[in-house]
Amino acid sequence: MKKASTTMTGVSASPGMKSTGMGHGMMGMAAKSTAKKSTGMTAASKSTGTKSTAKKSAVMKGVASKSMTMTSMTEKELLNDLLNQQKQLAGIYAVSITECSIPKMRQMLAKQHNTVCQDQFQVFTQMNQRGYYKTKTAAAKDVNSAKTTYSKVKMTMS
């Protein structure tokens, strides 16, 4: 299987895909967290202004290097993870829109929701083209049945 390139800022799945900034997630937070911890100062030494021991500094450097090490994932795993993140994010935006009472904020959330849905579709398309996410064509009978069911539900709600 192909290996996808990974960086601290995201996943490079294909040349034509837009970035949504999703790649900064946990790794970015871990890097920021360990950067704060690796100053070499303990709470006690901060009050006196002295440096902590070399042993503590070495331990902190080890923590920082371990948190920044990424495991190797296949392209399929990366794309699947990205697809799932996009689906979750779309759901979060949908709930946020329905619970927001400020018109301008609703518009902004709706715009972001639309962008996430477009990005999700691009990821899905890439996965489908590569054979990672196969779909079957629905039979005309099933499509008509779904339309009928939808129409009935819609009429009962009106």
N, C-alpha and C. Protein backbone atom coordinates (compact mmCIF):
# COMPACT_ATOMS: atom_id res chain seq x y z
N MET A 1 0.83 -1.19 0.00
CA MET A 1 0.00 0.00 0.00
C MET A 1 0.87 1.24 0.00
N LYS A 2 0.34 2.30 -0.56
CA LYS A 2 1.06 3.57 -0.58
C LYS A 2 1.09 4.17 0.81
N LYS A 3 2.14 4.88 1.10
CA LYS A 3 2.22 5.66 2.33
C LYS A 3 1.96 7.12 1.97
N ALA A 4 1.10 7.77 2.71
CA ALA A 4 0.81 9.18 2.47
C ALA A 4 1.81 10.01 3.26
N SER A 5 2.12 11.19 2.75
CA SER A 5 3.04 12.04 3.48
C SER A 5 2.32 12.72 4.62
N THR A 6 2.95 12.77 5.77
CA THR A 6 2.36 13.43 6.93
C THR A 6 3.29 14.51 7.42
N THR A 7 2.69 15.56 7.92
CA THR A 7 3.46 16.65 8.50
C THR A 7 2.76 17.08 9.77
N MET A 8 3.37 18.00 10.49
CA MET A 8 2.75 18.52 11.71
C MET A 8 1.50 19.34 11.39
N THR A 9 1.35 19.77 10.12
CA THR A 9 0.20 20.61 9.80
C THR A 9 -0.88 19.89 9.03
N GLY A 10 -0.72 18.62 8.73
CA GLY A 10 -1.83 17.96 8.06
C GLY A 10 -1.44 16.79 7.20
N VAL A 11 -2.33 16.42 6.33
CA VAL A 11 -2.17 15.27 5.48
C VAL A 11 -2.18 15.73 4.04
N SER A 12 -1.25 15.24 3.26
CA SER A 12 -1.22 15.54 1.85
C SER A 12 -1.74 14.31 1.12
N ALA A 13 -3.06 14.27 0.91
CA ALA A 13 -3.67 13.08 0.31
C ALA A 13 -3.60 13.12 -1.21
N SER A 14 -3.80 14.27 -1.80
CA SER A 14 -3.67 14.38 -3.25
C SER A 14 -3.42 15.83 -3.60
N PRO A 15 -2.81 16.09 -4.75
CA PRO A 15 -2.46 17.46 -5.11
C PRO A 15 -3.64 18.42 -5.23
N GLY A 16 -4.83 17.94 -5.61
CA GLY A 16 -5.95 18.84 -5.86
C GLY A 16 -6.84 19.14 -4.67
N MET A 17 -6.57 18.54 -3.52
CA MET A 17 -7.47 18.71 -2.38
C MET A 17 -7.16 19.98 -1.60
N LYS A 18 -8.23 20.67 -1.19
CA LYS A 18 -8.07 21.87 -0.37
C LYS A 18 -7.84 21.45 1.08
N SER A 19 -7.14 22.30 1.80
CA SER A 19 -6.95 22.04 3.23
C SER A 19 -8.00 22.77 4.03
N THR A 20 -8.52 22.10 5.06
CA THR A 20 -9.51 22.74 5.92
C THR A 20 -8.89 23.15 7.24
N GLY A 21 -7.59 22.91 7.40
CA GLY A 21 -6.95 23.24 8.66
C GLY A 21 -7.19 22.19 9.72
N MET A 22 -7.74 21.04 9.33
CA MET A 22 -8.05 19.99 10.30
C MET A 22 -6.79 19.31 10.82
N GLY A 23 -5.70 19.39 10.06
CA GLY A 23 -4.50 18.67 10.44
C GLY A 23 -3.80 19.18 11.67
N HIS A 24 -4.17 20.34 12.15
CA HIS A 24 -3.47 20.91 13.31
C HIS A 24 -3.87 20.24 14.61
N GLY A 25 -5.03 19.67 14.68
CA GLY A 25 -5.64 18.97 15.80
C GLY A 25 -4.78 18.64 16.99
N MET A 26 -4.76 17.38 17.36
CA MET A 26 -4.11 16.93 18.58
C MET A 26 -2.60 17.10 18.53
N MET A 27 -1.99 16.87 17.38
CA MET A 27 -0.53 17.00 17.31
C MET A 27 -0.10 18.43 17.59
N GLY A 28 -0.82 19.39 17.05
CA GLY A 28 -0.49 20.78 17.31
C GLY A 28 -0.63 21.11 18.79
N MET A 29 -1.68 20.58 19.41
CA MET A 29 -1.90 20.84 20.83
C MET A 29 -0.81 20.16 21.66
N ALA A 30 -0.42 18.95 21.27
CA ALA A 30 0.62 18.24 22.01
C ALA A 30 1.95 18.98 21.90
N ALA A 31 2.25 19.49 20.70
CA ALA A 31 3.50 20.21 20.51
C ALA A 31 3.52 21.48 21.36
N LYS A 32 2.40 22.20 21.39
CA LYS A 32 2.32 23.42 22.20
C LYS A 32 2.46 23.09 23.68
N SER A 33 1.80 22.01 24.09
CA SER A 33 1.83 21.60 25.50
C SER A 33 3.24 21.24 25.93
N THR A 34 3.93 20.44 25.11
CA THR A 34 5.27 20.02 25.50
C THR A 34 6.25 21.18 25.38
N ALA A 35 6.01 22.12 24.48
CA ALA A 35 6.89 23.27 24.38
C ALA A 35 6.83 24.09 25.67
N LYS A 36 5.63 24.20 26.24
CA LYS A 36 5.49 24.93 27.50
C LYS A 36 6.20 24.18 28.62
N LYS A 37 6.12 22.84 28.59
CA LYS A 37 6.71 22.04 29.65
C LYS A 37 8.22 21.98 29.56
N SER A 38 8.78 22.14 28.38
CA SER A 38 10.22 21.93 28.22
C SER A 38 11.05 23.18 28.48
N THR A 39 10.56 24.10 29.26
CA THR A 39 11.32 25.31 29.55
C THR A 39 12.45 25.06 30.53
N GLY A 40 12.43 23.89 31.19
CA GLY A 40 13.50 23.56 32.12
C GLY A 40 13.31 24.18 33.49
N MET A 41 12.16 24.71 33.77
CA MET A 41 11.91 25.35 35.06
C MET A 41 10.80 24.59 35.78
N THR A 42 11.00 24.30 37.05
CA THR A 42 9.94 23.68 37.85
C THR A 42 9.20 24.80 38.58
N ALA A 43 8.07 24.47 39.17
CA ALA A 43 7.30 25.48 39.89
C ALA A 43 8.15 26.08 41.02
N ALA A 44 8.91 25.22 41.72
CA ALA A 44 9.73 25.72 42.82
C ALA A 44 10.88 26.59 42.30
N SER A 45 11.50 26.16 41.18
CA SER A 45 12.63 26.92 40.68
C SER A 45 12.19 28.22 40.02
N LYS A 46 10.94 28.31 39.56
CA LYS A 46 10.46 29.57 38.98
C LYS A 46 10.42 30.66 40.03
N SER A 47 10.04 30.28 41.25
CA SER A 47 9.95 31.29 42.29
C SER A 47 11.34 31.79 42.69
N THR A 48 12.36 30.90 42.60
CA THR A 48 13.71 31.32 42.97
C THR A 48 14.51 31.75 41.76
N GLY A 49 14.01 31.40 40.56
CA GLY A 49 14.70 31.82 39.35
C GLY A 49 15.84 30.90 38.97
N THR A 50 15.96 29.71 39.58
CA THR A 50 17.05 28.80 39.24
C THR A 50 16.57 27.75 38.26
N LYS A 51 17.52 27.22 37.48
CA LYS A 51 17.20 26.17 36.52
C LYS A 51 16.99 24.85 37.24
N SER A 52 16.13 23.98 36.67
CA SER A 52 15.94 22.65 37.23
C SER A 52 17.14 21.79 36.89
N THR A 53 17.19 20.61 37.42
CA THR A 53 18.34 19.72 37.19
C THR A 53 18.39 19.27 35.75
N ALA A 54 19.58 18.83 35.34
CA ALA A 54 19.77 18.34 33.97
C ALA A 54 18.92 17.11 33.72
N LYS A 55 18.71 16.30 34.77
CA LYS A 55 17.90 15.09 34.62
C LYS A 55 16.47 15.45 34.24
N LYS A 56 15.87 16.43 34.93
CA LYS A 56 14.51 16.84 34.62
C LYS A 56 14.44 17.41 33.21
N SER A 57 15.42 18.16 32.81
CA SER A 57 15.45 18.73 31.46
C SER A 57 15.51 17.63 30.42
N ALA A 58 16.32 16.60 30.68
CA ALA A 58 16.44 15.49 29.74
C ALA A 58 15.11 14.74 29.63
N VAL A 59 14.43 14.58 30.76
CA VAL A 59 13.13 13.90 30.76
C VAL A 59 12.14 14.70 29.91
N MET A 60 12.13 16.00 30.08
CA MET A 60 11.20 16.84 29.34
C MET A 60 11.50 16.79 27.84
N LYS A 61 12.78 16.75 27.48
CA LYS A 61 13.13 16.64 26.06
C LYS A 61 12.63 15.33 25.50
N GLY A 62 12.70 14.27 26.30
CA GLY A 62 12.19 12.96 25.88
C GLY A 62 10.70 13.00 25.67
N VAL A 63 9.97 13.69 26.55
CA VAL A 63 8.52 13.83 26.41
C VAL A 63 8.19 14.57 25.13
N ALA A 64 8.91 15.64 24.86
CA ALA A 64 8.65 16.42 23.66
C ALA A 64 8.91 15.60 22.41
N SER A 65 10.01 14.83 22.38
CA SER A 65 10.30 14.06 21.18
C SER A 65 9.31 12.93 21.00
N LYS A 66 8.85 12.29 22.08
CA LYS A 66 7.87 11.22 21.96
C LYS A 66 6.53 11.75 21.46
N SER A 67 6.11 12.91 21.95
CA SER A 67 4.80 13.43 21.55
C SER A 67 4.80 13.91 20.10
N MET A 68 5.95 14.22 19.55
CA MET A 68 6.02 14.71 18.19
C MET A 68 6.30 13.58 17.19
N THR A 69 6.52 12.36 17.66
CA THR A 69 6.74 11.24 16.78
C THR A 69 5.40 10.75 16.27
N MET A 70 5.30 10.58 14.97
CA MET A 70 4.06 10.11 14.37
C MET A 70 4.22 8.68 13.91
N THR A 71 3.19 7.89 14.10
CA THR A 71 3.22 6.54 13.59
C THR A 71 2.90 6.57 12.11
N SER A 72 3.41 5.60 11.40
CA SER A 72 3.20 5.54 9.96
C SER A 72 1.84 4.94 9.66
N MET A 73 1.04 5.65 8.89
CA MET A 73 -0.29 5.19 8.51
C MET A 73 -0.33 5.05 6.99
N THR A 74 -1.12 4.12 6.52
CA THR A 74 -1.28 3.99 5.08
C THR A 74 -2.14 5.13 4.56
N GLU A 75 -2.09 5.32 3.27
CA GLU A 75 -2.90 6.35 2.64
C GLU A 75 -4.39 6.10 2.91
N LYS A 76 -4.80 4.85 2.84
CA LYS A 76 -6.21 4.50 3.08
C LYS A 76 -6.61 4.87 4.50
N GLU A 77 -5.76 4.58 5.48
CA GLU A 77 -6.06 4.91 6.88
C GLU A 77 -6.16 6.42 7.09
N LEU A 78 -5.24 7.15 6.47
CA LEU A 78 -5.26 8.61 6.60
C LEU A 78 -6.53 9.21 5.98
N LEU A 79 -6.85 8.75 4.79
CA LEU A 79 -8.05 9.27 4.13
C LEU A 79 -9.31 8.89 4.90
N ASN A 80 -9.37 7.67 5.42
CA ASN A 80 -10.52 7.24 6.20
C ASN A 80 -10.66 8.09 7.47
N ASP A 81 -9.54 8.36 8.12
CA ASP A 81 -9.55 9.21 9.32
C ASP A 81 -10.03 10.62 8.97
N LEU A 82 -9.53 11.15 7.88
CA LEU A 82 -9.92 12.49 7.44
C LEU A 82 -11.41 12.53 7.09
N LEU A 83 -11.89 11.50 6.41
CA LEU A 83 -13.31 11.43 6.06
C LEU A 83 -14.18 11.42 7.32
N ASN A 84 -13.79 10.61 8.30
CA ASN A 84 -14.55 10.56 9.55
C ASN A 84 -14.52 11.89 10.30
N GLN A 85 -13.38 12.57 10.28
CA GLN A 85 -13.30 13.89 10.92
C GLN A 85 -14.23 14.88 10.23
N GLN A 86 -14.25 14.84 8.90
CA GLN A 86 -15.10 15.75 8.15
C GLN A 86 -16.58 15.48 8.45
N LYS A 87 -16.95 14.21 8.56
CA LYS A 87 -18.34 13.86 8.88
C LYS A 87 -18.71 14.37 10.28
N GLN A 88 -17.82 14.17 11.24
CA GLN A 88 -18.09 14.65 12.60
C GLN A 88 -18.21 16.16 12.63
N LEU A 89 -17.31 16.83 11.95
CA LEU A 89 -17.33 18.29 11.92
C LEU A 89 -18.60 18.81 11.27
N ALA A 90 -19.05 18.16 10.20
CA ALA A 90 -20.30 18.57 9.54
C ALA A 90 -21.47 18.43 10.51
N GLY A 91 -21.48 17.37 11.29
CA GLY A 91 -22.54 17.17 12.29
C GLY A 91 -22.51 18.23 13.38
N ILE A 92 -21.31 18.57 13.82
CA ILE A 92 -21.17 19.60 14.86
C ILE A 92 -21.68 20.95 14.34
N TYR A 93 -21.29 21.29 13.10
CA TYR A 93 -21.78 22.54 12.52
C TYR A 93 -23.30 22.52 12.38
N ALA A 94 -23.87 21.40 11.96
CA ALA A 94 -25.32 21.31 11.79
C ALA A 94 -26.04 21.56 13.12
N VAL A 95 -25.57 20.95 14.19
CA VAL A 95 -26.17 21.16 15.50
C VAL A 95 -25.99 22.62 15.94
N SER A 96 -24.81 23.16 15.71
CA SER A 96 -24.55 24.56 16.09
C SER A 96 -25.48 25.52 15.37
N ILE A 97 -25.71 25.26 14.10
CA ILE A 97 -26.60 26.13 13.32
C ILE A 97 -28.01 26.09 13.89
N THR A 98 -28.49 24.89 14.19
CA THR A 98 -29.87 24.77 14.67
C THR A 98 -30.06 25.36 16.05
N GLU A 99 -28.99 25.50 16.82
CA GLU A 99 -29.12 26.02 18.17
C GLU A 99 -28.68 27.48 18.31
N CYS A 100 -28.28 28.08 17.22
CA CYS A 100 -27.81 29.46 17.25
C CYS A 100 -28.96 30.41 16.96
N SER A 101 -29.06 31.48 17.75
CA SER A 101 -30.14 32.45 17.56
C SER A 101 -29.66 33.77 16.95
N ILE A 102 -28.38 33.89 16.67
CA ILE A 102 -27.83 35.12 16.10
C ILE A 102 -27.71 34.95 14.58
N PRO A 103 -28.49 35.71 13.80
CA PRO A 103 -28.52 35.52 12.34
C PRO A 103 -27.15 35.54 11.66
N LYS A 104 -26.30 36.50 12.00
CA LYS A 104 -24.99 36.58 11.35
C LYS A 104 -24.12 35.37 11.69
N MET A 105 -24.22 34.91 12.93
CA MET A 105 -23.45 33.73 13.32
C MET A 105 -23.99 32.49 12.62
N ARG A 106 -25.31 32.41 12.48
CA ARG A 106 -25.91 31.27 11.75
C ARG A 106 -25.39 31.25 10.32
N GLN A 107 -25.31 32.43 9.69
CA GLN A 107 -24.79 32.50 8.32
C GLN A 107 -23.35 32.02 8.25
N MET A 108 -22.54 32.48 9.20
CA MET A 108 -21.14 32.09 9.22
C MET A 108 -21.00 30.58 9.43
N LEU A 109 -21.78 30.03 10.36
CA LEU A 109 -21.74 28.59 10.62
C LEU A 109 -22.22 27.81 9.40
N ALA A 110 -23.24 28.31 8.73
CA ALA A 110 -23.76 27.64 7.53
C ALA A 110 -22.71 27.64 6.41
N LYS A 111 -22.00 28.74 6.29
CA LYS A 111 -20.93 28.82 5.28
C LYS A 111 -19.83 27.80 5.60
N GLN A 112 -19.43 27.73 6.85
CA GLN A 112 -18.40 26.76 7.26
C GLN A 112 -18.90 25.33 7.07
N HIS A 113 -20.18 25.10 7.39
CA HIS A 113 -20.77 23.77 7.21
C HIS A 113 -20.71 23.37 5.74
N ASN A 114 -21.05 24.29 4.86
CA ASN A 114 -21.02 24.02 3.43
C ASN A 114 -19.60 23.69 2.97
N THR A 115 -18.62 24.44 3.45
CA THR A 115 -17.22 24.19 3.09
C THR A 115 -16.78 22.81 3.56
N VAL A 116 -17.13 22.45 4.79
CA VAL A 116 -16.78 21.14 5.32
C VAL A 116 -17.43 20.03 4.50
N CYS A 117 -18.68 20.24 4.12
CA CYS A 117 -19.37 19.23 3.30
C CYS A 117 -18.71 19.07 1.93
N GLN A 118 -18.27 20.18 1.35
CA GLN A 118 -17.56 20.11 0.07
C GLN A 118 -16.23 19.37 0.24
N ASP A 119 -15.51 19.67 1.31
CA ASP A 119 -14.24 18.99 1.57
C ASP A 119 -14.45 17.50 1.82
N GLN A 120 -15.51 17.19 2.55
CA GLN A 120 -15.83 15.78 2.82
C GLN A 120 -16.09 15.05 1.51
N PHE A 121 -16.81 15.70 0.59
CA PHE A 121 -17.09 15.06 -0.68
C PHE A 121 -15.82 14.86 -1.49
N GLN A 122 -14.89 15.80 -1.42
CA GLN A 122 -13.61 15.62 -2.11
C GLN A 122 -12.84 14.42 -1.56
N VAL A 123 -12.83 14.27 -0.25
CA VAL A 123 -12.15 13.13 0.36
C VAL A 123 -12.84 11.84 -0.06
N PHE A 124 -14.18 11.83 0.00
CA PHE A 124 -14.94 10.66 -0.43
C PHE A 124 -14.60 10.31 -1.88
N THR A 125 -14.59 11.31 -2.77
CA THR A 125 -14.29 11.09 -4.18
C THR A 125 -12.91 10.47 -4.36
N GLN A 126 -11.92 11.00 -3.62
CA GLN A 126 -10.57 10.44 -3.71
C GLN A 126 -10.56 8.98 -3.25
N MET A 127 -11.24 8.70 -2.16
CA MET A 127 -11.29 7.33 -1.65
C MET A 127 -12.00 6.41 -2.64
N ASN A 128 -13.09 6.88 -3.22
CA ASN A 128 -13.85 6.09 -4.17
C ASN A 128 -13.02 5.80 -5.42
N GLN A 129 -12.32 6.80 -5.94
CA GLN A 129 -11.49 6.63 -7.13
C GLN A 129 -10.34 5.65 -6.89
N ARG A 130 -9.84 5.61 -5.67
CA ARG A 130 -8.72 4.72 -5.34
C ARG A 130 -9.18 3.34 -4.89
N GLY A 131 -10.49 3.14 -4.84
CA GLY A 131 -11.03 1.84 -4.46
C GLY A 131 -11.09 1.62 -2.95
N TYR A 132 -10.92 2.66 -2.16
CA TYR A 132 -10.95 2.54 -0.70
C TYR A 132 -12.36 2.62 -0.13
N TYR A 133 -13.28 3.19 -0.89
CA TYR A 133 -14.66 3.39 -0.42
C TYR A 133 -15.57 3.10 -1.60
N LYS A 134 -15.97 1.86 -1.71
CA LYS A 134 -16.76 1.44 -2.86
C LYS A 134 -18.25 1.63 -2.57
N THR A 135 -18.96 2.11 -3.56
CA THR A 135 -20.41 2.27 -3.45
C THR A 135 -21.06 1.51 -4.59
N LYS A 136 -22.29 1.11 -4.40
CA LYS A 136 -23.01 0.44 -5.48
C LYS A 136 -24.12 1.36 -5.96
N THR A 137 -24.49 1.21 -7.20
CA THR A 137 -25.56 2.00 -7.77
C THR A 137 -26.90 1.42 -7.31
N ALA A 138 -27.76 2.29 -6.83
CA ALA A 138 -29.06 1.85 -6.35
C ALA A 138 -29.96 1.49 -7.54
N ALA A 139 -30.73 0.45 -7.36
CA ALA A 139 -31.69 0.05 -8.39
C ALA A 139 -32.79 1.11 -8.48
N ALA A 140 -33.33 1.30 -9.67
CA ALA A 140 -34.38 2.30 -9.90
C ALA A 140 -35.57 2.05 -8.97
N LYS A 141 -35.89 0.81 -8.73
CA LYS A 141 -37.00 0.44 -7.84
C LYS A 141 -36.75 0.97 -6.43
N ASP A 142 -35.51 0.84 -5.93
CA ASP A 142 -35.16 1.31 -4.59
C ASP A 142 -35.21 2.84 -4.51
N VAL A 143 -34.76 3.50 -5.56
CA VAL A 143 -34.79 4.97 -5.60
C VAL A 143 -36.24 5.46 -5.56
N ASN A 144 -37.08 4.85 -6.35
CA ASN A 144 -38.50 5.25 -6.37
C ASN A 144 -39.16 4.98 -5.02
N SER A 145 -38.82 3.89 -4.39
CA SER A 145 -39.37 3.56 -3.07
C SER A 145 -38.95 4.62 -2.03
N ALA A 146 -37.70 5.02 -2.09
CA ALA A 146 -37.20 6.05 -1.16
C ALA A 146 -37.90 7.38 -1.40
N LYS A 147 -38.11 7.72 -2.67
CA LYS A 147 -38.81 8.97 -3.00
C LYS A 147 -40.24 8.95 -2.46
N THR A 148 -40.92 7.82 -2.63
CA THR A 148 -42.29 7.69 -2.15
C THR A 148 -42.35 7.83 -0.63
N THR A 149 -41.45 7.16 0.05
CA THR A 149 -41.39 7.23 1.51
C THR A 149 -41.14 8.67 1.96
N TYR A 150 -40.18 9.34 1.32
CA TYR A 150 -39.86 10.72 1.66
C TYR A 150 -41.07 11.62 1.45
N SER A 151 -41.77 11.45 0.33
CA SER A 151 -42.95 12.28 0.04
C SER A 151 -44.04 12.09 1.11
N LYS A 152 -44.24 10.84 1.52
CA LYS A 152 -45.24 10.56 2.56
C LYS A 152 -44.86 11.24 3.88
N VAL A 153 -43.62 11.14 4.26
CA VAL A 153 -43.15 11.75 5.51
C VAL A 153 -43.29 13.27 5.43
N LYS A 154 -42.93 13.82 4.29
CA LYS A 154 -43.01 15.26 4.11
C LYS A 154 -44.46 15.75 4.21
N MET A 155 -45.37 14.99 3.63
CA MET A 155 -46.80 15.38 3.66
C MET A 155 -47.34 15.31 5.10
N THR A 156 -46.91 14.33 5.89
CA THR A 156 -47.40 14.23 7.26
C THR A 156 -46.87 15.35 8.14
N MET A 157 -45.75 15.92 7.76
CA MET A 157 -45.15 17.00 8.55
C MET A 157 -45.73 18.35 8.18
N SER A 158 -46.37 18.44 7.04
CA SER A 158 -46.91 19.74 6.57
C SER A 158 -48.23 20.08 7.21
